[in-house]
Amino acid sequence: MTVYQEHKDELEKYEFQMGQERGRLALTLDLLTDALVMVGQHGVYCQSARQVGKPALDIQFVTRQITSAKELVADVIQELRKQRAAE
């Protein structure tokens, strides 16, 4: 099953509200947020032996990467919004 089939309803809603490009990016942000939540929950149980009270280093790395990806996608959405407003 493709992402377009699996998230058909959400994708249609976002594309209707924001247009095709921004709608797909908005869904991407939702999917990244869901992944970030799951990694965060996993980090509660996988504690670092070196840094007490912090997630394991691999969990910290994945969290940073997902957070960075979300920031980039959000910036693209903002740029598309500015371009549309300028037209």
PDB file of N, CA and C in Angstrom:
ATOM      1  N   MET A   1       0.845  -1.172   0.000  1.00  0.00           N
ATOM      2  CA  MET A   1       0.000   0.000   0.000  1.00  0.00           C
ATOM      3  C   MET A   1       0.900   1.247   0.000  1.00  0.00           C
ATOM      4  N   THR A   2       0.605   2.179  -0.870  1.00  0.00           N
ATOM      5  CA  THR A   2       1.410   3.390  -0.945  1.00  0.00           C
ATOM      6  C   THR A   2       0.944   4.407   0.097  1.00  0.00           C
ATOM      7  N   VAL A   3       1.773   5.402   0.312  1.00  0.00           N
ATOM      8  CA  VAL A   3       1.417   6.472   1.256  1.00  0.00           C
ATOM      9  C   VAL A   3       0.149   7.180   0.792  1.00  0.00           C
ATOM     10  N   TYR A   4      -0.055   7.267  -0.519  1.00  0.00           N
ATOM     11  CA  TYR A   4      -1.241   7.935  -1.053  1.00  0.00           C
ATOM     12  C   TYR A   4      -2.514   7.145  -0.746  1.00  0.00           C
ATOM     13  N   GLN A   5      -2.401   5.823  -0.728  1.00  0.00           N
ATOM     14  CA  GLN A   5      -3.550   4.987  -0.393  1.00  0.00           C
ATOM     15  C   GLN A   5      -3.764   4.937   1.116  1.00  0.00           C
ATOM     16  N   GLU A   6      -2.670   4.796   1.854  1.00  0.00           N
ATOM     17  CA  GLU A   6      -2.761   4.638   3.306  1.00  0.00           C
ATOM     18  C   GLU A   6      -3.314   5.890   3.997  1.00  0.00           C
ATOM     19  N   HIS A   7      -2.978   7.049   3.480  1.00  0.00           N
ATOM     20  CA  HIS A   7      -3.380   8.316   4.105  1.00  0.00           C
ATOM     21  C   HIS A   7      -4.278   9.139   3.185  1.00  0.00           C
ATOM     22  N   LYS A   8      -5.098   8.453   2.412  1.00  0.00           N
ATOM     23  CA  LYS A   8      -5.930   9.082   1.375  1.00  0.00           C
ATOM     24  C   LYS A   8      -6.795  10.209   1.930  1.00  0.00           C
ATOM     25  N   ASP A   9      -7.522   9.952   3.006  1.00  0.00           N
ATOM     26  CA  ASP A   9      -8.453  10.947   3.550  1.00  0.00           C
ATOM     27  C   ASP A   9      -7.720  12.181   4.065  1.00  0.00           C
ATOM     28  N   GLU A  10      -6.655  11.959   4.824  1.00  0.00           N
ATOM     29  CA  GLU A  10      -5.889  13.083   5.366  1.00  0.00           C
ATOM     30  C   GLU A  10      -5.279  13.910   4.230  1.00  0.00           C
ATOM     31  N   LEU A  11      -4.748  13.212   3.237  1.00  0.00           N
ATOM     32  CA  LEU A  11      -4.114  13.885   2.112  1.00  0.00           C
ATOM     33  C   LEU A  11      -5.127  14.727   1.337  1.00  0.00           C
ATOM     34  N   GLU A  12      -6.293  14.182   1.095  1.00  0.00           N
ATOM     35  CA  GLU A  12      -7.334  14.937   0.393  1.00  0.00           C
ATOM     36  C   GLU A  12      -7.720  16.195   1.168  1.00  0.00           C
ATOM     37  N   LYS A  13      -7.846  16.055   2.478  1.00  0.00           N
ATOM     38  CA  LYS A  13      -8.211  17.195   3.321  1.00  0.00           C
ATOM     39  C   LYS A  13      -7.151  18.294   3.224  1.00  0.00           C
ATOM     40  N   TYR A  14      -5.887  17.918   3.387  1.00  0.00           N
ATOM     41  CA  TYR A  14      -4.809  18.909   3.338  1.00  0.00           C
ATOM     42  C   TYR A  14      -4.674  19.526   1.946  1.00  0.00           C
ATOM     43  N   GLU A  15      -4.769  18.718   0.914  1.00  0.00           N
ATOM     44  CA  GLU A  15      -4.651  19.248  -0.445  1.00  0.00           C
ATOM     45  C   GLU A  15      -5.798  20.196  -0.770  1.00  0.00           C
ATOM     46  N   PHE A  16      -6.980  19.907  -0.274  1.00  0.00           N
ATOM     47  CA  PHE A  16      -8.122  20.803  -0.480  1.00  0.00           C
ATOM     48  C   PHE A  16      -7.893  22.131   0.235  1.00  0.00           C
ATOM     49  N   GLN A  17      -7.375  22.080   1.457  1.00  0.00           N
ATOM     50  CA  GLN A  17      -7.164  23.281   2.254  1.00  0.00           C
ATOM     51  C   GLN A  17      -5.993  24.128   1.759  1.00  0.00           C
ATOM     52  N   MET A  18      -4.910  23.462   1.329  1.00  0.00           N
ATOM     53  CA  MET A  18      -3.661  24.175   1.094  1.00  0.00           C
ATOM     54  C   MET A  18      -3.125  24.084  -0.331  1.00  0.00           C
ATOM     55  N   GLY A  19      -3.712  23.274  -1.136  1.00  0.00           N
ATOM     56  CA  GLY A  19      -3.157  23.017  -2.456  1.00  0.00           C
ATOM     57  C   GLY A  19      -2.311  21.755  -2.415  1.00  0.00           C
ATOM     58  N   GLN A  20      -1.981  21.251  -3.589  1.00  0.00           N
ATOM     59  CA  GLN A  20      -1.303  19.952  -3.665  1.00  0.00           C
ATOM     60  C   GLN A  20       0.055  19.940  -2.959  1.00  0.00           C
ATOM     61  N   GLU A  21       0.922  20.887  -3.289  1.00  0.00           N
ATOM     62  CA  GLU A  21       2.280  20.851  -2.743  1.00  0.00           C
ATOM     63  C   GLU A  21       2.283  21.052  -1.236  1.00  0.00           C
ATOM     64  N   ARG A  22       1.636  22.129  -0.793  1.00  0.00           N
ATOM     65  CA  ARG A  22       1.621  22.409   0.645  1.00  0.00           C
ATOM     66  C   ARG A  22       0.848  21.344   1.416  1.00  0.00           C
ATOM     67  N   GLY A  23      -0.192  20.796   0.823  1.00  0.00           N
ATOM     68  CA  GLY A  23      -0.963  19.740   1.473  1.00  0.00           C
ATOM     69  C   GLY A  23      -0.131  18.488   1.708  1.00  0.00           C
ATOM     70  N   ARG A  24       0.655  18.127   0.713  1.00  0.00           N
ATOM     71  CA  ARG A  24       1.521  16.949   0.866  1.00  0.00           C
ATOM     72  C   ARG A  24       2.607  17.202   1.904  1.00  0.00           C
ATOM     73  N   LEU A  25       3.122  18.408   1.923  1.00  0.00           N
ATOM     74  CA  LEU A  25       4.126  18.747   2.940  1.00  0.00           C
ATOM     75  C   LEU A  25       3.511  18.762   4.338  1.00  0.00           C
ATOM     76  N   ALA A  26       2.277  19.229   4.441  1.00  0.00           N
ATOM     77  CA  ALA A  26       1.595  19.231   5.738  1.00  0.00           C
ATOM     78  C   ALA A  26       1.404  17.800   6.248  1.00  0.00           C
ATOM     79  N   LEU A  27       1.021  16.896   5.355  1.00  0.00           N
ATOM     80  CA  LEU A  27       0.890  15.493   5.753  1.00  0.00           C
ATOM     81  C   LEU A  27       2.252  14.929   6.148  1.00  0.00           C
ATOM     82  N   THR A  28       3.286  15.320   5.431  1.00  0.00           N
ATOM     83  CA  THR A  28       4.641  14.888   5.782  1.00  0.00           C
ATOM     84  C   THR A  28       4.988  15.333   7.197  1.00  0.00           C
ATOM     85  N   LEU A  29       4.639  16.563   7.548  1.00  0.00           N
ATOM     86  CA  LEU A  29       4.880  17.047   8.909  1.00  0.00           C
ATOM     87  C   LEU A  29       4.136  16.198   9.935  1.00  0.00           C
ATOM     88  N   ASP A  30       2.895  15.845   9.629  1.00  0.00           N
ATOM     89  CA  ASP A  30       2.124  14.981  10.534  1.00  0.00           C
ATOM     90  C   ASP A  30       2.796  13.622  10.713  1.00  0.00           C
ATOM     91  N   LEU A  31       3.257  13.050   9.620  1.00  0.00           N
ATOM     92  CA  LEU A  31       3.904  11.735   9.697  1.00  0.00           C
ATOM     93  C   LEU A  31       5.208  11.818  10.485  1.00  0.00           C
ATOM     94  N   LEU A  32       5.966  12.881  10.275  1.00  0.00           N
ATOM     95  CA  LEU A  32       7.204  13.072  11.041  1.00  0.00           C
ATOM     96  C   LEU A  32       6.909  13.286  12.526  1.00  0.00           C
ATOM     97  N   THR A  33       5.844  14.014  12.808  1.00  0.00           N
ATOM     98  CA  THR A  33       5.452  14.225  14.204  1.00  0.00           C
ATOM     99  C   THR A  33       5.080  12.907  14.864  1.00  0.00           C
ATOM    100  N   ASP A  34       4.321  12.086  14.161  1.00  0.00           N
ATOM    101  CA  ASP A  34       3.954  10.774  14.697  1.00  0.00           C
ATOM    102  C   ASP A  34       5.202   9.931  14.974  1.00  0.00           C
ATOM    103  N   ALA A  35       6.156   9.959  14.045  1.00  0.00           N
ATOM    104  CA  ALA A  35       7.405   9.210  14.237  1.00  0.00           C
ATOM    105  C   ALA A  35       8.180   9.754  15.432  1.00  0.00           C
ATOM    106  N   LEU A  36       8.191  11.074  15.581  1.00  0.00           N
ATOM    107  CA  LEU A  36       8.896  11.695  16.695  1.00  0.00           C
ATOM    108  C   LEU A  36       8.286  11.289  18.033  1.00  0.00           C
ATOM    109  N   VAL A  37       6.971  11.213  18.074  1.00  0.00           N
ATOM    110  CA  VAL A  37       6.283  10.776  19.299  1.00  0.00           C
ATOM    111  C   VAL A  37       6.662   9.339  19.639  1.00  0.00           C
ATOM    112  N   MET A  38       6.660   8.468  18.646  1.00  0.00           N
ATOM    113  CA  MET A  38       7.009   7.067  18.893  1.00  0.00           C
ATOM    114  C   MET A  38       8.453   6.921  19.357  1.00  0.00           C
ATOM    115  N   VAL A  39       9.357   7.664  18.741  1.00  0.00           N
ATOM    116  CA  VAL A  39      10.761   7.610  19.143  1.00  0.00           C
ATOM    117  C   VAL A  39      10.901   8.144  20.567  1.00  0.00           C
ATOM    118  N   GLY A  40      10.163   9.199  20.875  1.00  0.00           N
ATOM    119  CA  GLY A  40      10.197   9.757  22.230  1.00  0.00           C
ATOM    120  C   GLY A  40       9.715   8.758  23.271  1.00  0.00           C
ATOM    121  N   GLN A  41       8.658   8.034  22.950  1.00  0.00           N
ATOM    122  CA  GLN A  41       8.159   7.012  23.875  1.00  0.00           C
ATOM    123  C   GLN A  41       9.184   5.900  24.053  1.00  0.00           C
ATOM    124  N   HIS A  42       9.828   5.525  22.958  1.00  0.00           N
ATOM    125  CA  HIS A  42      10.858   4.491  23.031  1.00  0.00           C
ATOM    126  C   HIS A  42      12.032   4.979  23.884  1.00  0.00           C
ATOM    127  N   GLY A  43      12.353   6.279  23.771  1.00  0.00           N
ATOM    128  CA  GLY A  43      13.455   6.858  24.534  1.00  0.00           C
ATOM    129  C   GLY A  43      13.248   6.805  26.035  1.00  0.00           C
ATOM    130  N   VAL A  44      12.002   6.742  26.466  1.00  0.00           N
ATOM    131  CA  VAL A  44      11.717   6.633  27.903  1.00  0.00           C
ATOM    132  C   VAL A  44      12.248   5.306  28.447  1.00  0.00           C
ATOM    133  N   TYR A  45      12.173   4.266  27.636  1.00  0.00           N
ATOM    134  CA  TYR A  45      12.582   2.936  28.075  1.00  0.00           C
ATOM    135  C   TYR A  45      14.030   2.607  27.739  1.00  0.00           C
ATOM    136  N   CYS A  46      14.599   3.279  26.761  1.00  0.00           N
ATOM    137  CA  CYS A  46      15.990   3.041  26.366  1.00  0.00           C
ATOM    138  C   CYS A  46      16.849   4.187  26.867  1.00  0.00           C
ATOM    139  N   GLN A  47      17.257   4.088  28.095  1.00  0.00           N
ATOM    140  CA  GLN A  47      18.053   5.140  28.718  1.00  0.00           C
ATOM    141  C   GLN A  47      19.534   4.942  28.432  1.00  0.00           C
ATOM    142  N   SER A  48      20.252   6.052  28.350  1.00  0.00           N
ATOM    143  CA  SER A  48      21.684   6.023  28.116  1.00  0.00           C
ATOM    144  C   SER A  48      22.412   5.582  29.377  1.00  0.00           C
ATOM    145  N   ALA A  49      23.385   4.708  29.206  1.00  0.00           N
ATOM    146  CA  ALA A  49      24.188   4.275  30.347  1.00  0.00           C
ATOM    147  C   ALA A  49      25.159   5.383  30.762  1.00  0.00           C
ATOM    148  N   ARG A  50      25.562   6.204  29.817  1.00  0.00           N
ATOM    149  CA  ARG A  50      26.518   7.278  30.087  1.00  0.00           C
ATOM    150  C   ARG A  50      25.852   8.552  30.604  1.00  0.00           C
ATOM    151  N   GLN A  51      24.655   8.837  30.122  1.00  0.00           N
ATOM    152  CA  GLN A  51      23.954  10.062  30.498  1.00  0.00           C
ATOM    153  C   GLN A  51      22.645   9.685  31.189  1.00  0.00           C
ATOM    154  N   VAL A  52      22.697   9.615  32.494  1.00  0.00           N
ATOM    155  CA  VAL A  52      21.533   9.191  33.267  1.00  0.00           C
ATOM    156  C   VAL A  52      20.378  10.169  33.038  1.00  0.00           C
ATOM    157  N   GLY A  53      19.200   9.619  32.790  1.00  0.00           N
ATOM    158  CA  GLY A  53      18.009  10.428  32.578  1.00  0.00           C
ATOM    159  C   GLY A  53      17.808  10.871  31.147  1.00  0.00           C
ATOM    160  N   LYS A  54      18.715  10.526  30.251  1.00  0.00           N
ATOM    161  CA  LYS A  54      18.588  10.870  28.838  1.00  0.00           C
ATOM    162  C   LYS A  54      18.414   9.597  28.023  1.00  0.00           C
ATOM    163  N   PRO A  55      17.754   9.729  26.866  1.00  0.00           N
ATOM    164  CA  PRO A  55      17.595   8.559  25.996  1.00  0.00           C
ATOM    165  C   PRO A  55      18.957   8.082  25.474  1.00  0.00           C
ATOM    166  N   ALA A  56      18.993   6.859  25.010  1.00  0.00           N
ATOM    167  CA  ALA A  56      20.208   6.307  24.409  1.00  0.00           C
ATOM    168  C   ALA A  56      20.645   7.191  23.247  1.00  0.00           C
ATOM    169  N   LEU A  57      21.925   7.144  22.926  1.00  0.00           N
ATOM    170  CA  LEU A  57      22.479   8.027  21.896  1.00  0.00           C
ATOM    171  C   LEU A  57      21.802   7.856  20.541  1.00  0.00           C
ATOM    172  N   ASP A  58      21.453   6.637  20.173  1.00  0.00           N
ATOM    173  CA  ASP A  58      20.788   6.447  18.886  1.00  0.00           C
ATOM    174  C   ASP A  58      19.408   7.096  18.874  1.00  0.00           C
ATOM    175  N   ILE A  59      18.714   7.050  19.993  1.00  0.00           N
ATOM    176  CA  ILE A  59      17.403   7.695  20.100  1.00  0.00           C
ATOM    177  C   ILE A  59      17.567   9.211  20.008  1.00  0.00           C
ATOM    178  N   GLN A  60      18.588   9.740  20.658  1.00  0.00           N
ATOM    179  CA  GLN A  60      18.857  11.177  20.581  1.00  0.00           C
ATOM    180  C   GLN A  60      19.141  11.594  19.137  1.00  0.00           C
ATOM    181  N   PHE A  61      19.915  10.783  18.429  1.00  0.00           N
ATOM    182  CA  PHE A  61      20.254  11.076  17.037  1.00  0.00           C
ATOM    183  C   PHE A  61      19.004  11.082  16.155  1.00  0.00           C
ATOM    184  N   VAL A  62      18.180  10.046  16.276  1.00  0.00           N
ATOM    185  CA  VAL A  62      16.966   9.951  15.459  1.00  0.00           C
ATOM    186  C   VAL A  62      16.034  11.123  15.769  1.00  0.00           C
ATOM    187  N   THR A  63      15.915  11.484  17.023  1.00  0.00           N
ATOM    188  CA  THR A  63      15.076  12.611  17.417  1.00  0.00           C
ATOM    189  C   THR A  63      15.565  13.907  16.776  1.00  0.00           C
ATOM    190  N   ARG A  64      16.867  14.142  16.816  1.00  0.00           N
ATOM    191  CA  ARG A  64      17.431  15.352  16.188  1.00  0.00           C
ATOM    192  C   ARG A  64      17.177  15.366  14.684  1.00  0.00           C
ATOM    193  N   GLN A  65      17.355  14.219  14.029  1.00  0.00           N
ATOM    194  CA  GLN A  65      17.173  14.144  12.582  1.00  0.00           C
ATOM    195  C   GLN A  65      15.720  14.409  12.190  1.00  0.00           C
ATOM    196  N   ILE A  66      14.791  13.814  12.900  1.00  0.00           N
ATOM    197  CA  ILE A  66      13.377  14.023  12.597  1.00  0.00           C
ATOM    198  C   ILE A  66      12.991  15.471  12.860  1.00  0.00           C
ATOM    199  N   THR A  67      13.475  16.034  13.938  1.00  0.00           N
ATOM    200  CA  THR A  67      13.199  17.435  14.254  1.00  0.00           C
ATOM    201  C   THR A  67      13.753  18.351  13.162  1.00  0.00           C
ATOM    202  N   SER A  68      14.945  18.064  12.679  1.00  0.00           N
ATOM    203  CA  SER A  68      15.544  18.857  11.596  1.00  0.00           C
ATOM    204  C   SER A  68      14.731  18.731  10.316  1.00  0.00           C
ATOM    205  N   ALA A  69      14.283  17.530  10.004  1.00  0.00           N
ATOM    206  CA  ALA A  69      13.467  17.317   8.803  1.00  0.00           C
ATOM    207  C   ALA A  69      12.158  18.098   8.904  1.00  0.00           C
ATOM    208  N   LYS A  70      11.548  18.096  10.087  1.00  0.00           N
ATOM    209  CA  LYS A  70      10.312  18.850  10.277  1.00  0.00           C
ATOM    210  C   LYS A  70      10.548  20.340  10.059  1.00  0.00           C
ATOM    211  N   GLU A  71      11.665  20.850  10.551  1.00  0.00           N
ATOM    212  CA  GLU A  71      11.980  22.266  10.386  1.00  0.00           C
ATOM    213  C   GLU A  71      12.132  22.625   8.902  1.00  0.00           C
ATOM    214  N   LEU A  72      12.820  21.768   8.160  1.00  0.00           N
ATOM    215  CA  LEU A  72      12.998  22.013   6.728  1.00  0.00           C
ATOM    216  C   LEU A  72      11.666  22.004   5.984  1.00  0.00           C
ATOM    217  N   VAL A  73      10.822  21.043   6.281  1.00  0.00           N
ATOM    218  CA  VAL A  73       9.517  20.955   5.622  1.00  0.00           C
ATOM    219  C   VAL A  73       8.674  22.181   5.965  1.00  0.00           C
ATOM    220  N   ALA A  74       8.684  22.580   7.229  1.00  0.00           N
ATOM    221  CA  ALA A  74       7.925  23.767   7.642  1.00  0.00           C
ATOM    222  C   ALA A  74       8.415  25.014   6.909  1.00  0.00           C
ATOM    223  N   ASP A  75       9.722  25.128   6.715  1.00  0.00           N
ATOM    224  CA  ASP A  75      10.268  26.270   5.978  1.00  0.00           C
ATOM    225  C   ASP A  75       9.809  26.265   4.522  1.00  0.00           C
ATOM    226  N   VAL A  76       9.753  25.095   3.901  1.00  0.00           N
ATOM    227  CA  VAL A  76       9.279  25.004   2.513  1.00  0.00           C
ATOM    228  C   VAL A  76       7.812  25.422   2.433  1.00  0.00           C
ATOM    229  N   ILE A  77       7.007  24.996   3.387  1.00  0.00           N
ATOM    230  CA  ILE A  77       5.597  25.389   3.413  1.00  0.00           C
ATOM    231  C   ILE A  77       5.477  26.907   3.511  1.00  0.00           C
ATOM    232  N   GLN A  78       6.290  27.525   4.362  1.00  0.00           N
ATOM    233  CA  GLN A  78       6.271  28.981   4.514  1.00  0.00           C
ATOM    234  C   GLN A  78       6.654  29.673   3.207  1.00  0.00           C
ATOM    235  N   GLU A  79       7.689  29.172   2.543  1.00  0.00           N
ATOM    236  CA  GLU A  79       8.125  29.769   1.276  1.00  0.00           C
ATOM    237  C   GLU A  79       7.040  29.641   0.209  1.00  0.00           C
ATOM    238  N   LEU A  80       6.389  28.495   0.153  1.00  0.00           N
ATOM    239  CA  LEU A  80       5.298  28.315  -0.813  1.00  0.00           C
ATOM    240  C   LEU A  80       4.141  29.267  -0.507  1.00  0.00           C
ATOM    241  N   ARG A  81       3.878  29.474   0.765  1.00  0.00           N
ATOM    242  CA  ARG A  81       2.815  30.399   1.174  1.00  0.00           C
ATOM    243  C   ARG A  81       3.163  31.826   0.734  1.00  0.00           C
ATOM    244  N   LYS A  82       4.421  32.219   0.914  1.00  0.00           N
ATOM    245  CA  LYS A  82       4.865  33.558   0.497  1.00  0.00           C
ATOM    246  C   LYS A  82       4.759  33.720  -1.015  1.00  0.00           C
ATOM    247  N   GLN A  83       5.155  32.692  -1.748  1.00  0.00           N
ATOM    248  CA  GLN A  83       5.085  32.744  -3.210  1.00  0.00           C
ATOM    249  C   GLN A  83       3.644  32.883  -3.676  1.00  0.00           C
ATOM    250  N   ARG A  84       2.749  32.141  -3.055  1.00  0.00           N
ATOM    251  CA  ARG A  84       1.333  32.211  -3.432  1.00  0.00           C
ATOM    252  C   ARG A  84       0.764  33.581  -3.121  1.00  0.00           C
ATOM    253  N   ALA A  85       1.150  34.155  -1.992  1.00  0.00           N
ATOM    254  CA  ALA A  85       0.653  35.483  -1.601  1.00  0.00           C
ATOM    255  C   ALA A  85       1.166  36.561  -2.544  1.00  0.00           C
ATOM    256  N   ALA A  86       2.369  36.389  -3.081  1.00  0.00           N
ATOM    257  CA  ALA A  86       2.968  37.372  -3.982  1.00  0.00           C
ATOM    258  C   ALA A  86       2.331  37.348  -5.378  1.00  0.00           C
ATOM    259  N   GLU A  87       1.667  36.257  -5.720  1.00  0.00           N
ATOM    260  CA  GLU A  87       1.075  36.123  -7.065  1.00  0.00           C
ATOM    261  C   GLU A  87      -0.176  36.925  -7.218  1.00  0.00           C
TER     262      GLU A  87
END
